[in-house]
Amino acid sequence: MAWAPEEVFEENKEVVEMPMELIKEYQFTLKDIATTITIRLFKMFGSDEIHFTQSHYIKTPTQAGPYITSRPFNDDIGSALSQAVSGFTKHYNKAMAAGHIPKNDWLEPNEYF
């Protein structure tokens, strides 16, 4: 018998929590920063929400600490991707407007990625 992914997790639901399926992965760089940023989008089984993880966090000279969203999910693929990307671009643009020059150390690796 062939198992469907949903059946595998249903069979093991007493132990396995929050199963998700990778549905898309995107990569990009920010202007004048060489580091590649990867965004992964996941669909949680039993939910329509799209969760995302990211390879890096941004921390520019205008920020007290790296930007880490408290809500790493949204209603659809486009909204989740927009939310993830804009987390980088809004802080990048703010630092640029303040006269800072982009540097590779503006991106901090996500140790859980």
PDB file of N, CA and C in Angstrom:
ATOM      1  N   MET A   1       0.841  -1.186   0.000  1.00  0.00           N
ATOM      2  CA  MET A   1       0.000   0.000   0.000  1.00  0.00           C
ATOM      3  C   MET A   1       0.884   1.247   0.000  1.00  0.00           C
ATOM      4  N   ALA A   2       0.585   2.150  -0.883  1.00  0.00           N
ATOM      5  CA  ALA A   2       1.296   3.431  -0.934  1.00  0.00           C
ATOM      6  C   ALA A   2       0.698   4.394   0.094  1.00  0.00           C
ATOM      7  N   TRP A   3       1.557   5.084   0.800  1.00  0.00           N
ATOM      8  CA  TRP A   3       1.124   6.036   1.827  1.00  0.00           C
ATOM      9  C   TRP A   3       1.062   7.444   1.250  1.00  0.00           C
ATOM     10  N   ALA A   4       0.005   8.153   1.523  1.00  0.00           N
ATOM     11  CA  ALA A   4      -0.080   9.580   1.223  1.00  0.00           C
ATOM     12  C   ALA A   4       0.594  10.322   2.378  1.00  0.00           C
ATOM     13  N   PRO A   5       1.265  11.443   2.102  1.00  0.00           N
ATOM     14  CA  PRO A   5       1.932  12.171   3.197  1.00  0.00           C
ATOM     15  C   PRO A   5       1.004  12.471   4.373  1.00  0.00           C
ATOM     16  N   GLU A   6      -0.226  12.864   4.081  1.00  0.00           N
ATOM     17  CA  GLU A   6      -1.169  13.181   5.156  1.00  0.00           C
ATOM     18  C   GLU A   6      -1.425  11.961   6.037  1.00  0.00           C
ATOM     19  N   GLU A   7      -1.479  10.772   5.408  1.00  0.00           N
ATOM     20  CA  GLU A   7      -1.723   9.539   6.158  1.00  0.00           C
ATOM     21  C   GLU A   7      -0.545   9.214   7.083  1.00  0.00           C
ATOM     22  N   VAL A   8       0.652   9.470   6.623  1.00  0.00           N
ATOM     23  CA  VAL A   8       1.842   9.212   7.439  1.00  0.00           C
ATOM     24  C   VAL A   8       1.778  10.032   8.724  1.00  0.00           C
ATOM     25  N   PHE A   9       1.455  11.310   8.577  1.00  0.00           N
ATOM     26  CA  PHE A   9       1.405  12.176   9.759  1.00  0.00           C
ATOM     27  C   PHE A   9       0.198  11.885  10.631  1.00  0.00           C
ATOM     28  N   GLU A  10      -0.907  11.507  10.023  1.00  0.00           N
ATOM     29  CA  GLU A  10      -2.094  11.138  10.791  1.00  0.00           C
ATOM     30  C   GLU A  10      -1.799   9.881  11.617  1.00  0.00           C
ATOM     31  N   GLU A  11      -1.111   8.935  11.023  1.00  0.00           N
ATOM     32  CA  GLU A  11      -0.748   7.687  11.697  1.00  0.00           C
ATOM     33  C   GLU A  11       0.149   7.943  12.914  1.00  0.00           C
ATOM     34  N   ASN A  12       0.935   9.014  12.844  1.00  0.00           N
ATOM     35  CA  ASN A  12       1.914   9.310  13.894  1.00  0.00           C
ATOM     36  C   ASN A  12       1.599  10.575  14.686  1.00  0.00           C
ATOM     37  N   LYS A  13       0.346  10.983  14.682  1.00  0.00           N
ATOM     38  CA  LYS A  13      -0.038  12.266  15.278  1.00  0.00           C
ATOM     39  C   LYS A  13       0.173  12.348  16.786  1.00  0.00           C
ATOM     40  N   GLU A  14       0.279  11.226  17.462  1.00  0.00           N
ATOM     41  CA  GLU A  14       0.516  11.268  18.903  1.00  0.00           C
ATOM     42  C   GLU A  14       1.925  11.731  19.240  1.00  0.00           C
ATOM     43  N   VAL A  15       2.837  11.639  18.266  1.00  0.00           N
ATOM     44  CA  VAL A  15       4.227  11.998  18.504  1.00  0.00           C
ATOM     45  C   VAL A  15       4.673  13.173  17.636  1.00  0.00           C
ATOM     46  N   VAL A  16       4.213  13.213  16.408  1.00  0.00           N
ATOM     47  CA  VAL A  16       4.652  14.227  15.453  1.00  0.00           C
ATOM     48  C   VAL A  16       3.741  15.449  15.540  1.00  0.00           C
ATOM     49  N   GLU A  17       4.356  16.618  15.660  1.00  0.00           N
ATOM     50  CA  GLU A  17       3.598  17.862  15.743  1.00  0.00           C
ATOM     51  C   GLU A  17       3.957  18.786  14.591  1.00  0.00           C
ATOM     52  N   MET A  18       3.027  19.584  14.163  1.00  0.00           N
ATOM     53  CA  MET A  18       3.209  20.637  13.163  1.00  0.00           C
ATOM     54  C   MET A  18       3.857  20.167  11.853  1.00  0.00           C
ATOM     55  N   PRO A  19       3.358  19.099  11.238  1.00  0.00           N
ATOM     56  CA  PRO A  19       3.944  18.686   9.963  1.00  0.00           C
ATOM     57  C   PRO A  19       3.672  19.735   8.884  1.00  0.00           C
ATOM     58  N   MET A  20       4.693  19.992   8.075  1.00  0.00           N
ATOM     59  CA  MET A  20       4.589  20.968   6.998  1.00  0.00           C
ATOM     60  C   MET A  20       5.239  20.408   5.744  1.00  0.00           C
ATOM     61  N   GLU A  21       4.789  20.896   4.609  1.00  0.00           N
ATOM     62  CA  GLU A  21       5.343  20.497   3.329  1.00  0.00           C
ATOM     63  C   GLU A  21       5.985  21.704   2.661  1.00  0.00           C
ATOM     64  N   LEU A  22       7.233  21.560   2.218  1.00  0.00           N
ATOM     65  CA  LEU A  22       7.904  22.627   1.479  1.00  0.00           C
ATOM     66  C   LEU A  22       7.207  22.793   0.138  1.00  0.00           C
ATOM     67  N   ILE A  23       6.739  24.001  -0.147  1.00  0.00           N
ATOM     68  CA  ILE A  23       6.051  24.213  -1.420  1.00  0.00           C
ATOM     69  C   ILE A  23       6.818  25.096  -2.387  1.00  0.00           C
ATOM     70  N   LYS A  24       7.623  25.999  -1.889  1.00  0.00           N
ATOM     71  CA  LYS A  24       8.405  26.887  -2.761  1.00  0.00           C
ATOM     72  C   LYS A  24       9.652  27.334  -2.031  1.00  0.00           C
ATOM     73  N   GLU A  25      10.686  27.626  -2.799  1.00  0.00           N
ATOM     74  CA  GLU A  25      11.900  28.215  -2.259  1.00  0.00           C
ATOM     75  C   GLU A  25      12.348  29.302  -3.215  1.00  0.00           C
ATOM     76  N   TYR A  26      12.728  30.446  -2.671  1.00  0.00           N
ATOM     77  CA  TYR A  26      13.170  31.585  -3.467  1.00  0.00           C
ATOM     78  C   TYR A  26      14.509  32.075  -2.938  1.00  0.00           C
ATOM     79  N   GLN A  27      15.333  32.611  -3.842  1.00  0.00           N
ATOM     80  CA  GLN A  27      16.603  33.201  -3.452  1.00  0.00           C
ATOM     81  C   GLN A  27      16.743  34.568  -4.102  1.00  0.00           C
ATOM     82  N   PHE A  28      17.423  35.475  -3.389  1.00  0.00           N
ATOM     83  CA  PHE A  28      17.679  36.813  -3.913  1.00  0.00           C
ATOM     84  C   PHE A  28      18.840  37.429  -3.154  1.00  0.00           C
ATOM     85  N   THR A  29      19.348  38.523  -3.683  1.00  0.00           N
ATOM     86  CA  THR A  29      20.337  39.323  -2.976  1.00  0.00           C
ATOM     87  C   THR A  29      19.805  40.743  -2.871  1.00  0.00           C
ATOM     88  N   LEU A  30      20.337  41.489  -1.941  1.00  0.00           N
ATOM     89  CA  LEU A  30      20.023  42.904  -1.813  1.00  0.00           C
ATOM     90  C   LEU A  30      21.116  43.691  -2.539  1.00  0.00           C
ATOM     91  N   LYS A  31      20.767  44.805  -3.112  1.00  0.00           N
ATOM     92  CA  LYS A  31      21.703  45.606  -3.891  1.00  0.00           C
ATOM     93  C   LYS A  31      22.972  45.909  -3.091  1.00  0.00           C
ATOM     94  N   ASP A  32      24.120  45.602  -3.683  1.00  0.00           N
ATOM     95  CA  ASP A  32      25.447  45.847  -3.116  1.00  0.00           C
ATOM     96  C   ASP A  32      25.779  44.980  -1.904  1.00  0.00           C
ATOM     97  N   ILE A  33      25.013  43.918  -1.682  1.00  0.00           N
ATOM     98  CA  ILE A  33      25.322  42.938  -0.633  1.00  0.00           C
ATOM     99  C   ILE A  33      25.412  41.578  -1.330  1.00  0.00           C
ATOM    100  N   ALA A  34      26.548  40.926  -1.219  1.00  0.00           N
ATOM    101  CA  ALA A  34      26.807  39.706  -1.986  1.00  0.00           C
ATOM    102  C   ALA A  34      26.096  38.456  -1.458  1.00  0.00           C
ATOM    103  N   THR A  35      25.687  38.453  -0.223  1.00  0.00           N
ATOM    104  CA  THR A  35      25.105  37.264   0.398  1.00  0.00           C
ATOM    105  C   THR A  35      23.753  36.916  -0.219  1.00  0.00           C
ATOM    106  N   THR A  36      23.575  35.647  -0.556  1.00  0.00           N
ATOM    107  CA  THR A  36      22.292  35.170  -1.073  1.00  0.00           C
ATOM    108  C   THR A  36      21.365  34.856   0.091  1.00  0.00           C
ATOM    109  N   ILE A  37      20.148  35.367   0.008  1.00  0.00           N
ATOM    110  CA  ILE A  37      19.103  35.131   1.006  1.00  0.00           C
ATOM    111  C   ILE A  37      18.156  34.096   0.425  1.00  0.00           C
ATOM    112  N   THR A  38      17.799  33.101   1.222  1.00  0.00           N
ATOM    113  CA  THR A  38      16.856  32.072   0.790  1.00  0.00           C
ATOM    114  C   THR A  38      15.608  32.155   1.657  1.00  0.00           C
ATOM    115  N   ILE A  39      14.463  32.133   1.005  1.00  0.00           N
ATOM    116  CA  ILE A  39      13.164  32.099   1.691  1.00  0.00           C
ATOM    117  C   ILE A  39      12.498  30.775   1.327  1.00  0.00           C
ATOM    118  N   ARG A  40      12.077  30.024   2.329  1.00  0.00           N
ATOM    119  CA  ARG A  40      11.346  28.779   2.095  1.00  0.00           C
ATOM    120  C   ARG A  40       9.917  28.938   2.590  1.00  0.00           C
ATOM    121  N   LEU A  41       8.980  28.528   1.743  1.00  0.00           N
ATOM    122  CA  LEU A  41       7.558  28.597   2.070  1.00  0.00           C
ATOM    123  C   LEU A  41       7.022  27.190   2.302  1.00  0.00           C
ATOM    124  N   PHE A  42       6.279  27.032   3.370  1.00  0.00           N
ATOM    125  CA  PHE A  42       5.728  25.736   3.750  1.00  0.00           C
ATOM    126  C   PHE A  42       4.216  25.832   3.926  1.00  0.00           C
ATOM    127  N   LYS A  43       3.526  24.747   3.604  1.00  0.00           N
ATOM    128  CA  LYS A  43       2.103  24.635   3.899  1.00  0.00           C
ATOM    129  C   LYS A  43       1.973  23.623   5.025  1.00  0.00           C
ATOM    130  N   MET A  44       1.283  24.046   6.064  1.00  0.00           N
ATOM    131  CA  MET A  44       1.062  23.176   7.199  1.00  0.00           C
ATOM    132  C   MET A  44      -0.086  22.222   6.878  1.00  0.00           C
ATOM    133  N   PHE A  45       0.056  20.967   7.208  1.00  0.00           N
ATOM    134  CA  PHE A  45      -1.032  20.019   7.000  1.00  0.00           C
ATOM    135  C   PHE A  45      -2.218  20.423   7.881  1.00  0.00           C
ATOM    136  N   GLY A  46      -3.404  20.390   7.327  1.00  0.00           N
ATOM    137  CA  GLY A  46      -4.611  20.748   8.071  1.00  0.00           C
ATOM    138  C   GLY A  46      -4.851  22.242   8.187  1.00  0.00           C
ATOM    139  N   SER A  47      -4.116  23.050   7.440  1.00  0.00           N
ATOM    140  CA  SER A  47      -4.271  24.503   7.486  1.00  0.00           C
ATOM    141  C   SER A  47      -3.997  25.089   6.105  1.00  0.00           C
ATOM    142  N   ASP A  48      -4.573  26.233   5.828  1.00  0.00           N
ATOM    143  CA  ASP A  48      -4.308  26.924   4.568  1.00  0.00           C
ATOM    144  C   ASP A  48      -3.198  27.961   4.702  1.00  0.00           C
ATOM    145  N   GLU A  49      -2.714  28.189   5.908  1.00  0.00           N
ATOM    146  CA  GLU A  49      -1.673  29.192   6.114  1.00  0.00           C
ATOM    147  C   GLU A  49      -0.362  28.771   5.463  1.00  0.00           C
ATOM    148  N   ILE A  50       0.371  29.772   4.995  1.00  0.00           N
ATOM    149  CA  ILE A  50       1.692  29.558   4.422  1.00  0.00           C
ATOM    150  C   ILE A  50       2.723  30.110   5.413  1.00  0.00           C
ATOM    151  N   HIS A  51       3.585  29.240   5.894  1.00  0.00           N
ATOM    152  CA  HIS A  51       4.644  29.615   6.831  1.00  0.00           C
ATOM    153  C   HIS A  51       5.933  29.827   6.055  1.00  0.00           C
ATOM    154  N   PHE A  52       6.816  30.668   6.574  1.00  0.00           N
ATOM    155  CA  PHE A  52       8.094  30.859   5.905  1.00  0.00           C
ATOM    156  C   PHE A  52       9.247  30.840   6.895  1.00  0.00           C
ATOM    157  N   THR A  53      10.391  30.426   6.371  1.00  0.00           N
ATOM    158  CA  THR A  53      11.653  30.531   7.106  1.00  0.00           C
ATOM    159  C   THR A  53      12.619  31.270   6.199  1.00  0.00           C
ATOM    160  N   GLN A  54      13.622  31.859   6.782  1.00  0.00           N
ATOM    161  CA  GLN A  54      14.575  32.632   5.994  1.00  0.00           C
ATOM    162  C   GLN A  54      15.987  32.330   6.462  1.00  0.00           C
ATOM    163  N   SER A  55      16.916  32.356   5.509  1.00  0.00           N
ATOM    164  CA  SER A  55      18.300  31.986   5.794  1.00  0.00           C
ATOM    165  C   SER A  55      19.043  33.039   6.613  1.00  0.00           C
ATOM    166  N   HIS A  56      18.599  34.276   6.548  1.00  0.00           N
ATOM    167  CA  HIS A  56      19.282  35.383   7.222  1.00  0.00           C
ATOM    168  C   HIS A  56      18.264  36.352   7.821  1.00  0.00           C
ATOM    169  N   TYR A  57      18.756  37.177   8.725  1.00  0.00           N
ATOM    170  CA  TYR A  57      18.005  38.316   9.256  1.00  0.00           C
ATOM    171  C   TYR A  57      18.787  39.569   8.911  1.00  0.00           C
ATOM    172  N   ILE A  58      18.085  40.682   8.770  1.00  0.00           N
ATOM    173  CA  ILE A  58      18.768  41.935   8.465  1.00  0.00           C
ATOM    174  C   ILE A  58      18.957  42.746   9.744  1.00  0.00           C
ATOM    175  N   LYS A  59      20.147  43.314   9.862  1.00  0.00           N
ATOM    176  CA  LYS A  59      20.444  44.233  10.967  1.00  0.00           C
ATOM    177  C   LYS A  59      21.333  45.342  10.409  1.00  0.00           C
ATOM    178  N   THR A  60      20.731  46.465  10.150  1.00  0.00           N
ATOM    179  CA  THR A  60      21.442  47.627   9.610  1.00  0.00           C
ATOM    180  C   THR A  60      21.860  48.548  10.754  1.00  0.00           C
ATOM    181  N   PRO A  61      22.666  49.563  10.473  1.00  0.00           N
ATOM    182  CA  PRO A  61      23.066  50.513  11.521  1.00  0.00           C
ATOM    183  C   PRO A  61      21.885  51.287  12.126  1.00  0.00           C
ATOM    184  N   THR A  62      20.733  51.307  11.477  1.00  0.00           N
ATOM    185  CA  THR A  62      19.581  52.033  12.013  1.00  0.00           C
ATOM    186  C   THR A  62      18.716  51.161  12.926  1.00  0.00           C
ATOM    187  N   GLN A  63      19.084  49.905  13.112  1.00  0.00           N
ATOM    188  CA  GLN A  63      18.302  48.974  13.929  1.00  0.00           C
ATOM    189  C   GLN A  63      19.040  48.647  15.225  1.00  0.00           C
ATOM    190  N   ALA A  64      18.286  48.444  16.292  1.00  0.00           N
ATOM    191  CA  ALA A  64      18.879  48.049  17.570  1.00  0.00           C
ATOM    192  C   ALA A  64      19.295  46.579  17.555  1.00  0.00           C
ATOM    193  N   GLY A  65      18.570  45.769  16.799  1.00  0.00           N
ATOM    194  CA  GLY A  65      18.857  44.337  16.701  1.00  0.00           C
ATOM    195  C   GLY A  65      18.360  43.823  15.371  1.00  0.00           C
ATOM    196  N   PRO A  66      18.633  42.566  15.054  1.00  0.00           N
ATOM    197  CA  PRO A  66      18.173  42.011  13.782  1.00  0.00           C
ATOM    198  C   PRO A  66      16.646  41.942  13.743  1.00  0.00           C
ATOM    199  N   TYR A  67      16.084  42.142  12.547  1.00  0.00           N
ATOM    200  CA  TYR A  67      14.633  42.065  12.404  1.00  0.00           C
ATOM    201  C   TYR A  67      14.222  40.599  12.281  1.00  0.00           C
ATOM    202  N   ILE A  68      13.452  40.138  13.262  1.00  0.00           N
ATOM    203  CA  ILE A  68      12.897  38.789  13.260  1.00  0.00           C
ATOM    204  C   ILE A  68      11.393  38.940  13.447  1.00  0.00           C
ATOM    205  N   THR A  69      10.635  38.549  12.431  1.00  0.00           N
ATOM    206  CA  THR A  69       9.185  38.714  12.503  1.00  0.00           C
ATOM    207  C   THR A  69       8.585  37.863  13.617  1.00  0.00           C
ATOM    208  N   SER A  70       7.548  38.356  14.226  1.00  0.00           N
ATOM    209  CA  SER A  70       6.833  37.589  15.242  1.00  0.00           C
ATOM    210  C   SER A  70       5.692  36.780  14.614  1.00  0.00           C
ATOM    211  N   ARG A  71       5.495  36.974  13.303  1.00  0.00           N
ATOM    212  CA  ARG A  71       4.395  36.293  12.602  1.00  0.00           C
ATOM    213  C   ARG A  71       4.925  35.731  11.275  1.00  0.00           C
ATOM    214  N   PRO A  72       5.636  34.599  11.311  1.00  0.00           N
ATOM    215  CA  PRO A  72       6.230  34.054  10.089  1.00  0.00           C
ATOM    216  C   PRO A  72       5.252  33.220   9.255  1.00  0.00           C
ATOM    217  N   PHE A  73       4.086  33.778   9.000  1.00  0.00           N
ATOM    218  CA  PHE A  73       3.083  33.098   8.179  1.00  0.00           C
ATOM    219  C   PHE A  73       2.113  34.118   7.632  1.00  0.00           C
ATOM    220  N   ASN A  74       1.374  33.701   6.597  1.00  0.00           N
ATOM    221  CA  ASN A  74       0.339  34.555   6.019  1.00  0.00           C
ATOM    222  C   ASN A  74      -0.683  33.668   5.322  1.00  0.00           C
ATOM    223  N   ASP A  75      -1.672  34.302   4.683  1.00  0.00           N
ATOM    224  CA  ASP A  75      -2.805  33.559   4.130  1.00  0.00           C
ATOM    225  C   ASP A  75      -2.536  32.852   2.811  1.00  0.00           C
ATOM    226  N   ASP A  76      -1.562  33.319   2.029  1.00  0.00           N
ATOM    227  CA  ASP A  76      -1.297  32.719   0.729  1.00  0.00           C
ATOM    228  C   ASP A  76       0.172  32.889   0.372  1.00  0.00           C
ATOM    229  N   ILE A  77       0.604  32.225  -0.688  1.00  0.00           N
ATOM    230  CA  ILE A  77       2.014  32.240  -1.085  1.00  0.00           C
ATOM    231  C   ILE A  77       2.515  33.661  -1.335  1.00  0.00           C
ATOM    232  N   GLY A  78       1.786  34.433  -2.129  1.00  0.00           N
ATOM    233  CA  GLY A  78       2.222  35.790  -2.453  1.00  0.00           C
ATOM    234  C   GLY A  78       2.332  36.683  -1.232  1.00  0.00           C
ATOM    235  N   SER A  79       1.367  36.587  -0.349  1.00  0.00           N
ATOM    236  CA  SER A  79       1.394  37.417   0.863  1.00  0.00           C
ATOM    237  C   SER A  79       2.530  37.015   1.799  1.00  0.00           C
ATOM    238  N   ALA A  80       2.773  35.714   1.936  1.00  0.00           N
ATOM    239  CA  ALA A  80       3.866  35.249   2.793  1.00  0.00           C
ATOM    240  C   ALA A  80       5.217  35.669   2.213  1.00  0.00           C
ATOM    241  N   LEU A  81       5.384  35.531   0.899  1.00  0.00           N
ATOM    242  CA  LEU A  81       6.639  35.938   0.269  1.00  0.00           C
ATOM    243  C   LEU A  81       6.842  37.441   0.385  1.00  0.00           C
ATOM    244  N   SER A  82       5.797  38.209   0.154  1.00  0.00           N
ATOM    245  CA  SER A  82       5.879  39.666   0.274  1.00  0.00           C
ATOM    246  C   SER A  82       6.262  40.066   1.694  1.00  0.00           C
ATOM    247  N   GLN A  83       5.670  39.424   2.661  1.00  0.00           N
ATOM    248  CA  GLN A  83       5.972  39.715   4.062  1.00  0.00           C
ATOM    249  C   GLN A  83       7.440  39.427   4.366  1.00  0.00           C
ATOM    250  N   ALA A  84       7.941  38.291   3.898  1.00  0.00           N
ATOM    251  CA  ALA A  84       9.334  37.918   4.159  1.00  0.00           C
ATOM    252  C   ALA A  84      10.303  38.890   3.484  1.00  0.00           C
ATOM    253  N   VAL A  85      10.069  39.184   2.208  1.00  0.00           N
ATOM    254  CA  VAL A  85      10.976  40.062   1.459  1.00  0.00           C
ATOM    255  C   VAL A  85      10.930  41.486   1.987  1.00  0.00           C
ATOM    256  N   SER A  86       9.744  41.986   2.287  1.00  0.00           N
ATOM    257  CA  SER A  86       9.637  43.367   2.766  1.00  0.00           C
ATOM    258  C   SER A  86      10.289  43.549   4.139  1.00  0.00           C
ATOM    259  N   GLY A  87      10.410  42.459   4.905  1.00  0.00           N
ATOM    260  CA  GLY A  87      11.149  42.539   6.166  1.00  0.00           C
ATOM    261  C   GLY A  87      12.598  42.959   5.939  1.00  0.00           C
ATOM    262  N   PHE A  88      13.147  42.567   4.804  1.00  0.00           N
ATOM    263  CA  PHE A  88      14.507  42.974   4.441  1.00  0.00           C
ATOM    264  C   PHE A  88      14.514  44.370   3.824  1.00  0.00           C
ATOM    265  N   THR A  89      13.640  44.585   2.853  1.00  0.00           N
ATOM    266  CA  THR A  89      13.722  45.820   2.070  1.00  0.00           C
ATOM    267  C   THR A  89      13.361  47.062   2.871  1.00  0.00           C
ATOM    268  N   LYS A  90      12.434  46.965   3.813  1.00  0.00           N
ATOM    269  CA  LYS A  90      12.069  48.166   4.577  1.00  0.00           C
ATOM    270  C   LYS A  90      13.240  48.646   5.433  1.00  0.00           C
ATOM    271  N   HIS A  91      13.987  47.716   6.035  1.00  0.00           N
ATOM    272  CA  HIS A  91      15.133  48.113   6.851  1.00  0.00           C
ATOM    273  C   HIS A  91      16.318  48.536   5.984  1.00  0.00           C
ATOM    274  N   TYR A  92      16.502  47.871   4.865  1.00  0.00           N
ATOM    275  CA  TYR A  92      17.552  48.251   3.910  1.00  0.00           C
ATOM    276  C   TYR A  92      17.305  49.683   3.435  1.00  0.00           C
ATOM    277  N   ASN A  93      16.088  49.972   2.992  1.00  0.00           N
ATOM    278  CA  ASN A  93      15.750  51.307   2.486  1.00  0.00           C
ATOM    279  C   ASN A  93      15.888  52.386   3.562  1.00  0.00           C
ATOM    280  N   LYS A  94      15.519  52.066   4.785  1.00  0.00           N
ATOM    281  CA  LYS A  94      15.639  53.037   5.882  1.00  0.00           C
ATOM    282  C   LYS A  94      17.111  53.371   6.136  1.00  0.00           C
ATOM    283  N   ALA A  95      17.966  52.353   6.118  1.00  0.00           N
ATOM    284  CA  ALA A  95      19.403  52.590   6.325  1.00  0.00           C
ATOM    285  C   ALA A  95      19.992  53.393   5.166  1.00  0.00           C
ATOM    286  N   MET A  96      19.580  53.092   3.959  1.00  0.00           N
ATOM    287  CA  MET A  96      20.066  53.829   2.790  1.00  0.00           C
ATOM    288  C   MET A  96      19.633  55.299   2.869  1.00  0.00           C
ATOM    289  N   ALA A  97      18.394  55.526   3.271  1.00  0.00           N
ATOM    290  CA  ALA A  97      17.882  56.895   3.393  1.00  0.00           C
ATOM    291  C   ALA A  97      18.642  57.681   4.461  1.00  0.00           C
ATOM    292  N   ALA A  98      19.182  56.972   5.446  1.00  0.00           N
ATOM    293  CA  ALA A  98      19.957  57.617   6.510  1.00  0.00           C
ATOM    294  C   ALA A  98      21.421  57.818   6.101  1.00  0.00           C
ATOM    295  N   GLY A  99      21.766  57.420   4.872  1.00  0.00           N
ATOM    296  CA  GLY A  99      23.103  57.660   4.357  1.00  0.00           C
ATOM    297  C   GLY A  99      24.112  56.539   4.566  1.00  0.00           C
ATOM    298  N   HIS A 100      23.674  55.387   5.005  1.00  0.00           N
ATOM    299  CA  HIS A 100      24.586  54.260   5.219  1.00  0.00           C
ATOM    300  C   HIS A 100      24.883  53.544   3.906  1.00  0.00           C
ATOM    301  N   ILE A 101      26.059  52.949   3.833  1.00  0.00           N
ATOM    302  CA  ILE A 101      26.475  52.183   2.662  1.00  0.00           C
ATOM    303  C   ILE A 101      26.255  50.700   2.972  1.00  0.00           C
ATOM    304  N   PRO A 102      25.577  49.963   2.073  1.00  0.00           N
ATOM    305  CA  PRO A 102      25.309  48.536   2.339  1.00  0.00           C
ATOM    306  C   PRO A 102      26.590  47.742   2.572  1.00  0.00           C
ATOM    307  N   LYS A 103      26.524  46.828   3.526  1.00  0.00           N
ATOM    308  CA  LYS A 103      27.659  45.965   3.850  1.00  0.00           C
ATOM    309  C   LYS A 103      27.159  44.540   4.041  1.00  0.00           C
ATOM    310  N   ASN A 104      28.040  43.590   3.747  1.00  0.00           N
ATOM    311  CA  ASN A 104      27.666  42.181   3.903  1.00  0.00           C
ATOM    312  C   ASN A 104      27.255  41.851   5.331  1.00  0.00           C
ATOM    313  N   ASP A 105      27.819  42.545   6.319  1.00  0.00           N
ATOM    314  CA  ASP A 105      27.485  42.214   7.706  1.00  0.00           C
ATOM    315  C   ASP A 105      26.103  42.725   8.131  1.00  0.00           C
ATOM    316  N   TRP A 106      25.378  43.342   7.208  1.00  0.00           N
ATOM    317  CA  TRP A 106      23.980  43.693   7.487  1.00  0.00           C
ATOM    318  C   TRP A 106      23.111  42.435   7.558  1.00  0.00           C
ATOM    319  N   LEU A 107      23.602  41.327   7.055  1.00  0.00           N
ATOM    320  CA  LEU A 107      22.847  40.075   7.075  1.00  0.00           C
ATOM    321  C   LEU A 107      23.460  39.114   8.078  1.00  0.00           C
ATOM    322  N   GLU A 108      22.632  38.648   9.004  1.00  0.00           N
ATOM    323  CA  GLU A 108      23.071  37.689  10.017  1.00  0.00           C
ATOM    324  C   GLU A 108      22.434  36.349   9.707  1.00  0.00           C
ATOM    325  N   PRO A 109      23.230  35.271   9.667  1.00  0.00           N
ATOM    326  CA  PRO A 109      22.680  33.951   9.388  1.00  0.00           C
ATOM    327  C   PRO A 109      21.645  33.533  10.441  1.00  0.00           C
ATOM    328  N   ASN A 110      20.603  32.876   9.977  1.00  0.00           N
ATOM    329  CA  ASN A 110      19.599  32.285  10.857  1.00  0.00           C
ATOM    330  C   ASN A 110      20.126  30.906  11.251  1.00  0.00           C
ATOM    331  N   GLU A 111      20.515  30.733  12.499  1.00  0.00           N
ATOM    332  CA  GLU A 111      21.123  29.481  12.933  1.00  0.00           C
ATOM    333  C   GLU A 111      20.167  28.298  12.869  1.00  0.00           C
ATOM    334  N   TYR A 112      18.871  28.542  12.749  1.00  0.00           N
ATOM    335  CA  TYR A 112      17.889  27.460  12.693  1.00  0.00           C
ATOM    336  C   TYR A 112      17.449  27.124  11.272  1.00  0.00           C
ATOM    337  N   PHE A 113      18.038  27.762  10.292  1.00  0.00           N
ATOM    338  CA  PHE A 113      17.637  27.548   8.889  1.00  0.00           C
ATOM    339  C   PHE A 113      18.245  26.267   8.375  1.00  0.00           C
TER     340      PHE A 113
END
